[in-house]
Amino acid sequence: MPKNNKTTPLLIGLTGGIGAGKTLIAKMFELLRVPVFDADTEAKAILGNDQNVRARVIEIFGPEAYSGSEPNRKFLAQCVFANDEKREKLNAIVHPAVGEAFKQWVKDHSDNPYLLKEAAIIFETGGEAHLDGVVIVTAPEVIRIERVMQRDNVTENQVRDRMAAQWTDEKKLEKSNYHIVNDGKTAVIPQVLAIHDALLKEVKRKYS
């Protein structure tokens, strides 16, 4: 973990493969009054509102990338999940803008012991280097597929294409500091509370 100074809270990543349920876990931390930065939602907002980003996206993907003023998410998803090069190009446009938004958000919430950055992709872009730790949420693949098919009204093959664009849970677990199992059987609240307590103790240790 990188060293943290006394003027900033601990920055903790919250990630998990598609369908793992990281958003549910994020809401539980919010109930504990932990601020959560939703990187994926911020990325969507930037795609829609940042004119510089819009121009660069259209340059790469064509005018079909937008439907009026809104990004054509279905079209972009089909493009990036089927093409590694285009996915990297889109990430190279959006992620720096999200990073700047996150920096400002951290300043606005600097009076908290620790902050969570919820993001589907952290390790894939080397984002863990800028964090003090990472919590990963996992669930069996079959459960994840069922969740996403119901949530997004997509086919199993489409879900698997999205999964292929992310690191495996095994690879992410090797680099994570905390682990939450969200398989529909294991109670998640005790896991969240245990990590919350551990992080508060880590803050106290670092600031003492």
N, C-alpha and C. Protein backbone atom coordinates (compact mmCIF):
# COMPACT_ATOMS: atom_id res chain seq x y z
N MET A 1 0.83 -1.20 0.00
CA MET A 1 0.00 0.00 0.00
C MET A 1 0.87 1.26 0.00
N PRO A 2 0.53 2.29 -0.80
CA PRO A 2 1.28 3.52 -0.74
C PRO A 2 1.04 4.23 0.57
N LYS A 3 2.00 5.01 1.02
CA LYS A 3 1.85 5.71 2.29
C LYS A 3 0.85 6.83 2.14
N ASN A 4 0.11 7.06 3.22
CA ASN A 4 -0.92 8.08 3.23
C ASN A 4 -0.53 9.14 4.23
N ASN A 5 -0.81 10.42 3.94
CA ASN A 5 -0.48 11.45 4.92
C ASN A 5 -1.70 11.80 5.74
N LYS A 6 -1.49 12.64 6.76
CA LYS A 6 -2.55 12.91 7.72
C LYS A 6 -3.64 13.84 7.17
N THR A 7 -3.41 14.41 6.01
CA THR A 7 -4.38 15.36 5.48
C THR A 7 -5.36 14.71 4.52
N THR A 8 -5.18 13.45 4.22
CA THR A 8 -6.07 12.79 3.27
C THR A 8 -6.59 11.48 3.85
N PRO A 9 -7.81 11.11 3.49
CA PRO A 9 -8.36 9.82 3.94
C PRO A 9 -7.72 8.68 3.17
N LEU A 10 -7.90 7.47 3.68
CA LEU A 10 -7.49 6.30 2.92
C LEU A 10 -8.38 6.19 1.69
N LEU A 11 -7.79 5.82 0.57
CA LEU A 11 -8.54 5.64 -0.67
C LEU A 11 -8.61 4.15 -0.98
N ILE A 12 -9.81 3.61 -0.96
CA ILE A 12 -10.01 2.18 -1.11
C ILE A 12 -10.84 1.89 -2.35
N GLY A 13 -10.35 1.02 -3.21
CA GLY A 13 -11.09 0.61 -4.38
C GLY A 13 -12.11 -0.46 -4.05
N LEU A 14 -13.23 -0.44 -4.73
CA LEU A 14 -14.26 -1.48 -4.60
C LEU A 14 -14.56 -1.97 -6.00
N THR A 15 -14.22 -3.21 -6.28
CA THR A 15 -14.36 -3.72 -7.64
C THR A 15 -14.94 -5.13 -7.62
N GLY A 16 -15.20 -5.64 -8.81
CA GLY A 16 -15.74 -6.99 -8.97
C GLY A 16 -16.16 -7.18 -10.39
N GLY A 17 -16.15 -8.40 -10.85
CA GLY A 17 -16.57 -8.68 -12.21
C GLY A 17 -18.03 -8.35 -12.43
N ILE A 18 -18.41 -8.21 -13.68
CA ILE A 18 -19.79 -7.87 -14.01
C ILE A 18 -20.75 -8.89 -13.38
N GLY A 19 -21.77 -8.38 -12.70
CA GLY A 19 -22.75 -9.26 -12.05
C GLY A 19 -22.35 -9.73 -10.66
N ALA A 20 -21.20 -9.29 -10.17
CA ALA A 20 -20.77 -9.73 -8.84
C ALA A 20 -21.58 -9.07 -7.74
N GLY A 21 -22.08 -7.87 -8.02
CA GLY A 21 -22.91 -7.18 -7.03
C GLY A 21 -22.18 -6.11 -6.25
N LYS A 22 -21.17 -5.50 -6.85
CA LYS A 22 -20.39 -4.48 -6.12
C LYS A 22 -21.22 -3.26 -5.78
N THR A 23 -22.23 -2.93 -6.62
CA THR A 23 -23.08 -1.77 -6.34
C THR A 23 -23.90 -1.99 -5.08
N LEU A 24 -24.39 -3.21 -4.88
CA LEU A 24 -25.10 -3.54 -3.64
C LEU A 24 -24.20 -3.34 -2.44
N ILE A 25 -22.97 -3.81 -2.55
CA ILE A 25 -22.01 -3.68 -1.45
C ILE A 25 -21.71 -2.20 -1.20
N ALA A 26 -21.58 -1.43 -2.27
CA ALA A 26 -21.32 0.00 -2.13
C ALA A 26 -22.42 0.68 -1.33
N LYS A 27 -23.68 0.29 -1.58
CA LYS A 27 -24.80 0.88 -0.85
C LYS A 27 -24.73 0.55 0.64
N MET A 28 -24.21 -0.64 0.95
CA MET A 28 -24.07 -1.02 2.36
C MET A 28 -23.02 -0.15 3.05
N PHE A 29 -21.93 0.13 2.35
CA PHE A 29 -20.92 1.02 2.93
C PHE A 29 -21.48 2.43 3.09
N GLU A 30 -22.31 2.86 2.16
CA GLU A 30 -22.92 4.18 2.26
C GLU A 30 -23.82 4.27 3.49
N LEU A 31 -24.48 3.16 3.84
CA LEU A 31 -25.29 3.14 5.06
C LEU A 31 -24.43 3.32 6.31
N LEU A 32 -23.15 3.01 6.18
CA LEU A 32 -22.20 3.21 7.28
C LEU A 32 -21.57 4.61 7.20
N ARG A 33 -22.13 5.44 6.33
CA ARG A 33 -21.70 6.83 6.13
C ARG A 33 -20.31 6.92 5.51
N VAL A 34 -19.99 5.96 4.68
CA VAL A 34 -18.75 6.00 3.92
C VAL A 34 -19.06 6.57 2.53
N PRO A 35 -18.46 7.68 2.14
CA PRO A 35 -18.71 8.23 0.80
C PRO A 35 -18.20 7.28 -0.27
N VAL A 36 -18.97 7.13 -1.34
CA VAL A 36 -18.61 6.23 -2.44
C VAL A 36 -18.61 7.01 -3.75
N PHE A 37 -17.50 6.95 -4.46
CA PHE A 37 -17.38 7.54 -5.79
C PHE A 37 -17.67 6.45 -6.80
N ASP A 38 -18.73 6.61 -7.58
CA ASP A 38 -19.13 5.63 -8.58
C ASP A 38 -18.46 5.98 -9.90
N ALA A 39 -17.32 5.33 -10.18
CA ALA A 39 -16.54 5.66 -11.37
C ALA A 39 -17.29 5.35 -12.66
N ASP A 40 -18.07 4.29 -12.66
CA ASP A 40 -18.80 3.91 -13.88
C ASP A 40 -19.89 4.93 -14.21
N THR A 41 -20.60 5.41 -13.19
CA THR A 41 -21.62 6.43 -13.40
C THR A 41 -20.98 7.74 -13.84
N GLU A 42 -19.84 8.06 -13.25
CA GLU A 42 -19.12 9.27 -13.64
C GLU A 42 -18.66 9.19 -15.09
N ALA A 43 -18.20 8.00 -15.49
CA ALA A 43 -17.76 7.81 -16.87
C ALA A 43 -18.92 8.04 -17.85
N LYS A 44 -20.11 7.54 -17.50
CA LYS A 44 -21.28 7.72 -18.35
C LYS A 44 -21.64 9.20 -18.46
N ALA A 45 -21.54 9.92 -17.33
CA ALA A 45 -21.84 11.35 -17.34
C ALA A 45 -20.86 12.12 -18.22
N ILE A 46 -19.59 11.75 -18.12
CA ILE A 46 -18.56 12.41 -18.92
C ILE A 46 -18.79 12.14 -20.40
N LEU A 47 -19.15 10.92 -20.75
CA LEU A 47 -19.45 10.59 -22.14
C LEU A 47 -20.56 11.46 -22.70
N GLY A 48 -21.52 11.77 -21.84
CA GLY A 48 -22.67 12.53 -22.29
C GLY A 48 -22.48 14.04 -22.25
N ASN A 49 -21.65 14.53 -21.32
CA ASN A 49 -21.59 15.97 -21.07
C ASN A 49 -20.30 16.66 -21.48
N ASP A 50 -19.22 15.92 -21.59
CA ASP A 50 -17.93 16.52 -21.93
C ASP A 50 -17.79 16.60 -23.45
N GLN A 51 -17.79 17.81 -23.97
CA GLN A 51 -17.77 17.99 -25.42
C GLN A 51 -16.46 17.54 -26.05
N ASN A 52 -15.36 17.69 -25.34
CA ASN A 52 -14.08 17.23 -25.86
C ASN A 52 -14.06 15.70 -25.96
N VAL A 53 -14.58 15.06 -24.93
CA VAL A 53 -14.67 13.59 -24.94
C VAL A 53 -15.59 13.15 -26.07
N ARG A 54 -16.71 13.81 -26.22
CA ARG A 54 -17.67 13.47 -27.28
C ARG A 54 -17.01 13.53 -28.65
N ALA A 55 -16.27 14.60 -28.91
CA ALA A 55 -15.62 14.77 -30.21
C ALA A 55 -14.61 13.66 -30.48
N ARG A 56 -13.85 13.29 -29.47
CA ARG A 56 -12.84 12.24 -29.64
C ARG A 56 -13.48 10.87 -29.84
N VAL A 57 -14.59 10.62 -29.15
CA VAL A 57 -15.30 9.35 -29.31
C VAL A 57 -15.87 9.23 -30.71
N ILE A 58 -16.48 10.29 -31.19
CA ILE A 58 -17.05 10.27 -32.55
C ILE A 58 -15.95 10.09 -33.58
N GLU A 59 -14.79 10.68 -33.32
CA GLU A 59 -13.66 10.54 -34.25
C GLU A 59 -13.25 9.09 -34.41
N ILE A 60 -13.33 8.33 -33.33
CA ILE A 60 -12.90 6.92 -33.35
C ILE A 60 -14.03 5.99 -33.77
N PHE A 61 -15.24 6.21 -33.24
CA PHE A 61 -16.33 5.26 -33.43
C PHE A 61 -17.35 5.70 -34.47
N GLY A 62 -17.26 6.95 -34.89
CA GLY A 62 -18.22 7.45 -35.87
C GLY A 62 -19.43 8.08 -35.21
N PRO A 63 -20.29 8.75 -35.99
CA PRO A 63 -21.46 9.43 -35.43
C PRO A 63 -22.47 8.50 -34.77
N GLU A 64 -22.39 7.21 -35.09
CA GLU A 64 -23.31 6.24 -34.45
C GLU A 64 -23.07 6.13 -32.95
N ALA A 65 -21.95 6.65 -32.49
CA ALA A 65 -21.62 6.56 -31.07
C ALA A 65 -22.57 7.38 -30.20
N TYR A 66 -23.34 8.28 -30.84
CA TYR A 66 -24.28 9.11 -30.09
C TYR A 66 -25.65 9.10 -30.77
N SER A 67 -26.67 9.11 -29.94
CA SER A 67 -28.05 9.26 -30.41
C SER A 67 -28.53 10.62 -29.92
N GLY A 68 -28.43 11.63 -30.78
CA GLY A 68 -28.72 12.98 -30.34
C GLY A 68 -27.64 13.45 -29.39
N SER A 69 -28.05 13.86 -28.21
CA SER A 69 -27.09 14.33 -27.21
C SER A 69 -26.60 13.23 -26.30
N GLU A 70 -27.19 12.05 -26.40
CA GLU A 70 -26.85 10.96 -25.50
C GLU A 70 -25.93 9.94 -26.17
N PRO A 71 -24.96 9.39 -25.41
CA PRO A 71 -24.13 8.34 -25.99
C PRO A 71 -24.95 7.09 -26.29
N ASN A 72 -24.66 6.45 -27.41
CA ASN A 72 -25.34 5.22 -27.81
C ASN A 72 -24.62 4.06 -27.11
N ARG A 73 -25.05 3.78 -25.89
CA ARG A 73 -24.32 2.83 -25.04
C ARG A 73 -24.34 1.41 -25.64
N LYS A 74 -25.44 1.03 -26.24
CA LYS A 74 -25.52 -0.31 -26.83
C LYS A 74 -24.51 -0.45 -27.97
N PHE A 75 -24.43 0.56 -28.82
CA PHE A 75 -23.49 0.54 -29.93
C PHE A 75 -22.06 0.53 -29.42
N LEU A 76 -21.75 1.37 -28.45
CA LEU A 76 -20.39 1.44 -27.92
C LEU A 76 -20.00 0.14 -27.24
N ALA A 77 -20.96 -0.46 -26.51
CA ALA A 77 -20.68 -1.73 -25.84
C ALA A 77 -20.34 -2.81 -26.86
N GLN A 78 -21.12 -2.86 -27.94
CA GLN A 78 -20.85 -3.86 -28.99
C GLN A 78 -19.47 -3.65 -29.60
N CYS A 79 -19.07 -2.40 -29.75
CA CYS A 79 -17.76 -2.08 -30.34
C CYS A 79 -16.62 -2.50 -29.42
N VAL A 80 -16.70 -2.10 -28.16
CA VAL A 80 -15.53 -2.28 -27.28
C VAL A 80 -15.40 -3.71 -26.76
N PHE A 81 -16.51 -4.40 -26.58
CA PHE A 81 -16.40 -5.76 -26.07
C PHE A 81 -15.98 -6.74 -27.16
N ALA A 82 -16.05 -6.32 -28.39
CA ALA A 82 -15.64 -7.18 -29.50
C ALA A 82 -14.28 -6.81 -30.05
N ASN A 83 -13.71 -5.70 -29.57
CA ASN A 83 -12.46 -5.21 -30.16
C ASN A 83 -11.57 -4.63 -29.06
N ASP A 84 -10.49 -5.34 -28.73
CA ASP A 84 -9.60 -4.91 -27.66
C ASP A 84 -8.99 -3.55 -27.94
N GLU A 85 -8.62 -3.30 -29.20
CA GLU A 85 -7.97 -2.04 -29.54
C GLU A 85 -8.91 -0.86 -29.34
N LYS A 86 -10.16 -1.01 -29.76
CA LYS A 86 -11.13 0.07 -29.59
C LYS A 86 -11.47 0.27 -28.11
N ARG A 87 -11.52 -0.83 -27.36
CA ARG A 87 -11.79 -0.71 -25.92
C ARG A 87 -10.68 0.09 -25.25
N GLU A 88 -9.44 -0.17 -25.60
CA GLU A 88 -8.32 0.56 -25.03
C GLU A 88 -8.37 2.03 -25.41
N LYS A 89 -8.78 2.31 -26.64
CA LYS A 89 -8.88 3.70 -27.09
C LYS A 89 -9.96 4.46 -26.31
N LEU A 90 -11.11 3.79 -26.10
CA LEU A 90 -12.18 4.43 -25.35
C LEU A 90 -11.75 4.67 -23.91
N ASN A 91 -11.10 3.68 -23.31
CA ASN A 91 -10.61 3.83 -21.94
C ASN A 91 -9.61 4.98 -21.84
N ALA A 92 -8.76 5.11 -22.86
CA ALA A 92 -7.74 6.16 -22.86
C ALA A 92 -8.37 7.56 -22.93
N ILE A 93 -9.57 7.64 -23.47
CA ILE A 93 -10.29 8.92 -23.53
C ILE A 93 -11.01 9.20 -22.22
N VAL A 94 -11.73 8.21 -21.71
CA VAL A 94 -12.64 8.42 -20.58
C VAL A 94 -11.93 8.35 -19.23
N HIS A 95 -11.02 7.40 -19.05
CA HIS A 95 -10.44 7.18 -17.73
C HIS A 95 -9.68 8.37 -17.17
N PRO A 96 -8.88 9.09 -17.98
CA PRO A 96 -8.21 10.28 -17.42
C PRO A 96 -9.20 11.33 -16.91
N ALA A 97 -10.30 11.50 -17.62
CA ALA A 97 -11.32 12.47 -17.20
C ALA A 97 -11.98 12.02 -15.90
N VAL A 98 -12.22 10.73 -15.78
CA VAL A 98 -12.78 10.19 -14.54
C VAL A 98 -11.78 10.38 -13.40
N GLY A 99 -10.50 10.16 -13.70
CA GLY A 99 -9.46 10.33 -12.69
C GLY A 99 -9.42 11.75 -12.14
N GLU A 100 -9.58 12.74 -13.01
CA GLU A 100 -9.58 14.12 -12.56
C GLU A 100 -10.81 14.41 -11.70
N ALA A 101 -11.95 13.86 -12.10
CA ALA A 101 -13.16 14.04 -11.31
C ALA A 101 -13.01 13.40 -9.93
N PHE A 102 -12.34 12.27 -9.88
CA PHE A 102 -12.12 11.57 -8.61
C PHE A 102 -11.23 12.40 -7.69
N LYS A 103 -10.19 13.01 -8.24
CA LYS A 103 -9.29 13.84 -7.43
C LYS A 103 -10.05 14.98 -6.77
N GLN A 104 -10.92 15.63 -7.53
CA GLN A 104 -11.69 16.72 -6.97
C GLN A 104 -12.67 16.21 -5.92
N TRP A 105 -13.27 15.05 -6.19
CA TRP A 105 -14.21 14.45 -5.24
C TRP A 105 -13.52 14.12 -3.92
N VAL A 106 -12.29 13.62 -4.00
CA VAL A 106 -11.53 13.31 -2.79
C VAL A 106 -11.31 14.57 -1.96
N LYS A 107 -10.96 15.66 -2.63
CA LYS A 107 -10.76 16.92 -1.92
C LYS A 107 -12.05 17.36 -1.22
N ASP A 108 -13.16 17.13 -1.87
CA ASP A 108 -14.45 17.54 -1.31
C ASP A 108 -14.89 16.67 -0.14
N HIS A 109 -14.29 15.49 0.00
CA HIS A 109 -14.66 14.55 1.07
C HIS A 109 -13.47 14.20 1.96
N SER A 110 -12.53 15.12 2.07
CA SER A 110 -11.26 14.82 2.76
C SER A 110 -11.38 14.71 4.27
N ASP A 111 -12.56 15.03 4.83
CA ASP A 111 -12.71 14.94 6.28
C ASP A 111 -13.22 13.58 6.74
N ASN A 112 -13.23 12.60 5.85
CA ASN A 112 -13.66 11.24 6.19
C ASN A 112 -12.45 10.34 6.44
N PRO A 113 -12.60 9.32 7.31
CA PRO A 113 -11.49 8.40 7.56
C PRO A 113 -11.02 7.67 6.31
N TYR A 114 -11.99 7.18 5.53
CA TYR A 114 -11.63 6.53 4.27
C TYR A 114 -12.76 6.72 3.26
N LEU A 115 -12.38 6.59 1.99
CA LEU A 115 -13.32 6.77 0.89
C LEU A 115 -13.27 5.54 -0.01
N LEU A 116 -14.40 5.25 -0.66
CA LEU A 116 -14.45 4.12 -1.58
C LEU A 116 -14.59 4.61 -3.02
N LYS A 117 -13.82 4.00 -3.90
CA LYS A 117 -13.96 4.24 -5.33
C LYS A 117 -14.49 2.96 -5.95
N GLU A 118 -15.77 2.99 -6.31
CA GLU A 118 -16.40 1.83 -6.93
C GLU A 118 -16.14 1.85 -8.43
N ALA A 119 -15.53 0.79 -8.95
CA ALA A 119 -15.20 0.76 -10.37
C ALA A 119 -15.12 -0.67 -10.86
N ALA A 120 -15.69 -0.92 -12.04
CA ALA A 120 -15.64 -2.26 -12.62
C ALA A 120 -14.22 -2.64 -12.99
N ILE A 121 -13.45 -1.64 -13.41
CA ILE A 121 -12.07 -1.88 -13.83
C ILE A 121 -11.13 -1.06 -12.95
N ILE A 122 -10.27 -1.74 -12.22
CA ILE A 122 -9.22 -1.09 -11.43
C ILE A 122 -7.86 -1.67 -11.80
N PHE A 123 -7.71 -2.97 -11.61
CA PHE A 123 -6.44 -3.62 -11.89
C PHE A 123 -6.09 -3.59 -13.37
N GLU A 124 -7.11 -3.67 -14.22
CA GLU A 124 -6.87 -3.72 -15.66
C GLU A 124 -6.16 -2.47 -16.18
N THR A 125 -6.31 -1.36 -15.46
CA THR A 125 -5.68 -0.10 -15.88
C THR A 125 -4.56 0.34 -14.95
N GLY A 126 -4.21 -0.52 -13.98
CA GLY A 126 -3.17 -0.15 -13.03
C GLY A 126 -3.64 0.85 -11.99
N GLY A 127 -4.95 0.99 -11.84
CA GLY A 127 -5.51 1.98 -10.92
C GLY A 127 -5.19 1.72 -9.46
N GLU A 128 -4.85 0.48 -9.11
CA GLU A 128 -4.55 0.17 -7.70
C GLU A 128 -3.33 0.92 -7.19
N ALA A 129 -2.47 1.37 -8.10
CA ALA A 129 -1.26 2.09 -7.70
C ALA A 129 -1.58 3.41 -7.02
N HIS A 130 -2.77 3.94 -7.26
CA HIS A 130 -3.18 5.22 -6.68
C HIS A 130 -4.13 5.04 -5.50
N LEU A 131 -4.27 3.80 -5.03
CA LEU A 131 -5.17 3.51 -3.93
C LEU A 131 -4.40 2.90 -2.76
N ASP A 132 -5.03 2.95 -1.58
CA ASP A 132 -4.41 2.37 -0.40
C ASP A 132 -4.84 0.93 -0.15
N GLY A 133 -5.73 0.43 -0.97
CA GLY A 133 -6.20 -0.95 -0.85
C GLY A 133 -7.38 -1.18 -1.77
N VAL A 134 -7.72 -2.44 -1.96
CA VAL A 134 -8.83 -2.79 -2.86
C VAL A 134 -9.68 -3.88 -2.23
N VAL A 135 -10.99 -3.67 -2.27
CA VAL A 135 -11.97 -4.68 -1.86
C VAL A 135 -12.54 -5.30 -3.14
N ILE A 136 -12.52 -6.61 -3.23
CA ILE A 136 -13.11 -7.27 -4.39
C ILE A 136 -14.37 -8.03 -3.97
N VAL A 137 -15.39 -7.93 -4.79
CA VAL A 137 -16.65 -8.66 -4.58
C VAL A 137 -16.71 -9.77 -5.62
N THR A 138 -16.95 -10.99 -5.18
CA THR A 138 -17.01 -12.12 -6.11
C THR A 138 -18.31 -12.89 -5.97
N ALA A 139 -18.64 -13.62 -7.02
CA ALA A 139 -19.79 -14.53 -7.05
C ALA A 139 -19.51 -15.57 -8.11
N PRO A 140 -20.08 -16.76 -7.98
CA PRO A 140 -19.88 -17.79 -9.01
C PRO A 140 -20.31 -17.30 -10.39
N GLU A 141 -19.59 -17.75 -11.41
CA GLU A 141 -19.85 -17.29 -12.77
C GLU A 141 -21.29 -17.50 -13.20
N VAL A 142 -21.87 -18.65 -12.88
CA VAL A 142 -23.23 -18.94 -13.31
C VAL A 142 -24.22 -17.94 -12.70
N ILE A 143 -23.99 -17.55 -11.46
CA ILE A 143 -24.86 -16.57 -10.81
C ILE A 143 -24.68 -15.20 -11.44
N ARG A 144 -23.45 -14.83 -11.73
CA ARG A 144 -23.18 -13.54 -12.35
C ARG A 144 -23.86 -13.44 -13.71
N ILE A 145 -23.78 -14.52 -14.48
CA ILE A 145 -24.41 -14.52 -15.81
C ILE A 145 -25.92 -14.35 -15.69
N GLU A 146 -26.52 -15.08 -14.77
CA GLU A 146 -27.97 -14.97 -14.59
C GLU A 146 -28.38 -13.56 -14.18
N ARG A 147 -27.61 -12.95 -13.28
CA ARG A 147 -27.93 -11.61 -12.81
C ARG A 147 -27.90 -10.60 -13.95
N VAL A 148 -26.85 -10.67 -14.76
CA VAL A 148 -26.70 -9.68 -15.83
C VAL A 148 -27.73 -9.90 -16.93
N MET A 149 -28.04 -11.17 -17.25
CA MET A 149 -29.05 -11.45 -18.26
C MET A 149 -30.39 -10.85 -17.85
N GLN A 150 -30.75 -10.98 -16.59
CA GLN A 150 -32.01 -10.44 -16.10
C GLN A 150 -31.97 -8.92 -16.01
N ARG A 151 -30.84 -8.40 -15.55
CA ARG A 151 -30.71 -6.94 -15.34
C ARG A 151 -30.69 -6.17 -16.65
N ASP A 152 -29.93 -6.66 -17.63
CA ASP A 152 -29.70 -5.92 -18.87
C ASP A 152 -30.46 -6.47 -20.06
N ASN A 153 -31.21 -7.55 -19.84
CA ASN A 153 -31.97 -8.18 -20.93
C ASN A 153 -31.06 -8.51 -22.11
N VAL A 154 -29.98 -9.23 -21.83
CA VAL A 154 -29.00 -9.63 -22.85
C VAL A 154 -28.85 -11.14 -22.83
N THR A 155 -28.16 -11.67 -23.84
CA THR A 155 -27.96 -13.11 -23.95
C THR A 155 -26.75 -13.56 -23.14
N GLU A 156 -26.67 -14.85 -22.92
CA GLU A 156 -25.52 -15.40 -22.19
C GLU A 156 -24.22 -15.09 -22.92
N ASN A 157 -24.23 -15.22 -24.24
CA ASN A 157 -23.01 -14.93 -25.01
C ASN A 157 -22.58 -13.48 -24.86
N GLN A 158 -23.53 -12.57 -24.81
CA GLN A 158 -23.20 -11.16 -24.63
C GLN A 158 -22.57 -10.92 -23.26
N VAL A 159 -23.09 -11.61 -22.25
CA VAL A 159 -22.51 -11.47 -20.91
C VAL A 159 -21.10 -12.03 -20.90
N ARG A 160 -20.90 -13.17 -21.54
CA ARG A 160 -19.57 -13.77 -21.56
C ARG A 160 -18.57 -12.89 -22.31
N ASP A 161 -19.03 -12.20 -23.34
CA ASP A 161 -18.16 -11.26 -24.05
C ASP A 161 -17.69 -10.15 -23.11
N ARG A 162 -18.61 -9.67 -22.28
CA ARG A 162 -18.25 -8.61 -21.32
C ARG A 162 -17.26 -9.16 -20.28
N MET A 163 -17.51 -10.36 -19.84
CA MET A 163 -16.61 -10.98 -18.86
C MET A 163 -15.21 -11.13 -19.43
N ALA A 164 -15.13 -11.46 -20.70
CA ALA A 164 -13.83 -11.68 -21.32
C ALA A 164 -12.99 -10.42 -21.37
N ALA A 165 -13.66 -9.26 -21.27
CA ALA A 165 -12.95 -7.99 -21.31
C ALA A 165 -12.38 -7.61 -19.95
N GLN A 166 -12.71 -8.38 -18.90
CA GLN A 166 -12.23 -8.10 -17.56
C GLN A 166 -11.30 -9.20 -17.08
N TRP A 167 -10.50 -8.88 -16.08
CA TRP A 167 -9.65 -9.89 -15.47
C TRP A 167 -10.53 -10.94 -14.78
N THR A 168 -10.00 -12.14 -14.62
CA THR A 168 -10.71 -13.17 -13.87
C THR A 168 -10.67 -12.84 -12.39
N ASP A 169 -11.62 -13.40 -11.64
CA ASP A 169 -11.64 -13.21 -10.19
C ASP A 169 -10.34 -13.70 -9.56
N GLU A 170 -9.83 -14.82 -10.05
CA GLU A 170 -8.61 -15.39 -9.48
C GLU A 170 -7.45 -14.40 -9.60
N LYS A 171 -7.34 -13.75 -10.73
CA LYS A 171 -6.26 -12.80 -10.95
C LYS A 171 -6.44 -11.56 -10.08
N LYS A 172 -7.69 -11.11 -9.95
CA LYS A 172 -7.96 -9.94 -9.12
C LYS A 172 -7.72 -10.23 -7.64
N LEU A 173 -8.09 -11.44 -7.23
CA LEU A 173 -7.94 -11.80 -5.81
C LEU A 173 -6.48 -11.76 -5.38
N GLU A 174 -5.59 -12.08 -6.28
CA GLU A 174 -4.16 -12.07 -5.95
C GLU A 174 -3.68 -10.67 -5.58
N LYS A 175 -4.35 -9.65 -6.10
CA LYS A 175 -3.90 -8.28 -5.87
C LYS A 175 -4.82 -7.50 -4.92
N SER A 176 -5.88 -8.16 -4.44
CA SER A 176 -6.83 -7.47 -3.56
C SER A 176 -6.44 -7.61 -2.10
N ASN A 177 -6.91 -6.66 -1.30
CA ASN A 177 -6.62 -6.66 0.14
C ASN A 177 -7.78 -7.21 0.97
N TYR A 178 -8.99 -7.09 0.43
CA TYR A 178 -10.18 -7.55 1.15
C TYR A 178 -11.10 -8.24 0.15
N HIS A 179 -11.88 -9.21 0.65
CA HIS A 179 -12.70 -10.05 -0.22
C HIS A 179 -14.10 -10.20 0.37
N ILE A 180 -15.11 -9.93 -0.46
CA ILE A 180 -16.50 -10.14 -0.06
C ILE A 180 -17.13 -11.14 -1.02
N VAL A 181 -17.72 -12.20 -0.46
CA VAL A 181 -18.40 -13.22 -1.26
C VAL A 181 -19.88 -12.87 -1.31
N ASN A 182 -20.41 -12.69 -2.52
CA ASN A 182 -21.81 -12.32 -2.70
C ASN A 182 -22.49 -13.38 -3.58
N ASP A 183 -22.59 -14.59 -3.06
CA ASP A 183 -23.11 -15.72 -3.84
C ASP A 183 -24.58 -16.02 -3.57
N GLY A 184 -25.23 -15.15 -2.81
CA GLY A 184 -26.64 -15.38 -2.50
C GLY A 184 -26.86 -16.32 -1.34
N LYS A 185 -25.80 -16.90 -0.82
CA LYS A 185 -25.89 -17.81 0.32
C LYS A 185 -25.13 -17.27 1.53
N THR A 186 -23.96 -16.72 1.28
CA THR A 186 -23.13 -16.19 2.36
C THR A 186 -23.61 -14.80 2.75
N ALA A 187 -23.81 -14.58 4.05
CA ALA A 187 -24.27 -13.28 4.53
C ALA A 187 -23.23 -12.21 4.23
N VAL A 188 -23.66 -11.14 3.57
CA VAL A 188 -22.70 -10.11 3.17
C VAL A 188 -22.55 -9.00 4.22
N ILE A 189 -23.57 -8.75 5.01
CA ILE A 189 -23.49 -7.66 6.00
C ILE A 189 -22.34 -7.88 6.98
N PRO A 190 -22.18 -9.08 7.56
CA PRO A 190 -21.03 -9.29 8.46
C PRO A 190 -19.69 -9.07 7.76
N GLN A 191 -19.61 -9.42 6.49
CA GLN A 191 -18.36 -9.21 5.75
C GLN A 191 -18.07 -7.72 5.58
N VAL A 192 -19.11 -6.96 5.26
CA VAL A 192 -18.95 -5.51 5.10
C VAL A 192 -18.54 -4.87 6.43
N LEU A 193 -19.20 -5.26 7.50
CA LEU A 193 -18.88 -4.70 8.82
C LEU A 193 -17.46 -5.02 9.24
N ALA A 194 -17.00 -6.25 8.95
CA ALA A 194 -15.65 -6.65 9.31
C ALA A 194 -14.61 -5.81 8.56
N ILE A 195 -14.86 -5.57 7.29
CA ILE A 195 -13.92 -4.76 6.49
C ILE A 195 -13.96 -3.31 6.94
N HIS A 196 -15.15 -2.82 7.24
CA HIS A 196 -15.29 -1.44 7.74
C HIS A 196 -14.47 -1.27 9.02
N ASP A 197 -14.60 -2.20 9.94
CA ASP A 197 -13.84 -2.13 11.20
C ASP A 197 -12.34 -2.21 10.94
N ALA A 198 -11.95 -3.10 10.03
CA ALA A 198 -10.52 -3.25 9.71
C ALA A 198 -9.96 -1.96 9.12
N LEU A 199 -10.73 -1.30 8.26
CA LEU A 199 -10.26 -0.07 7.63
C LEU A 199 -10.17 1.07 8.65
N LEU A 200 -11.11 1.15 9.57
CA LEU A 200 -11.04 2.16 10.62
C LEU A 200 -9.82 1.94 11.51
N LYS A 201 -9.51 0.69 11.78
CA LYS A 201 -8.31 0.37 12.56
C LYS A 201 -7.04 0.74 11.78
N GLU A 202 -7.08 0.53 10.47
CA GLU A 202 -5.94 0.89 9.62
C GLU A 202 -5.74 2.41 9.62
N VAL A 203 -6.83 3.15 9.59
CA VAL A 203 -6.75 4.61 9.64
C VAL A 203 -6.13 5.04 10.96
N LYS A 204 -6.61 4.45 12.04
CA LYS A 204 -6.11 4.81 13.37
C LYS A 204 -4.62 4.48 13.48
N ARG A 205 -4.21 3.34 12.94
CA ARG A 205 -2.80 2.95 13.00
C ARG A 205 -1.93 3.92 12.21
N LYS A 206 -2.38 4.29 11.03
CA LYS A 206 -1.60 5.20 10.18
C LYS A 206 -1.52 6.59 10.75
N TYR A 207 -2.57 7.03 11.41
CA TYR A 207 -2.60 8.41 11.91
C TYR A 207 -2.05 8.55 13.31
N SER A 208 -1.76 7.43 13.96
CA SER A 208 -1.27 7.49 15.34
C SER A 208 0.21 7.85 15.40
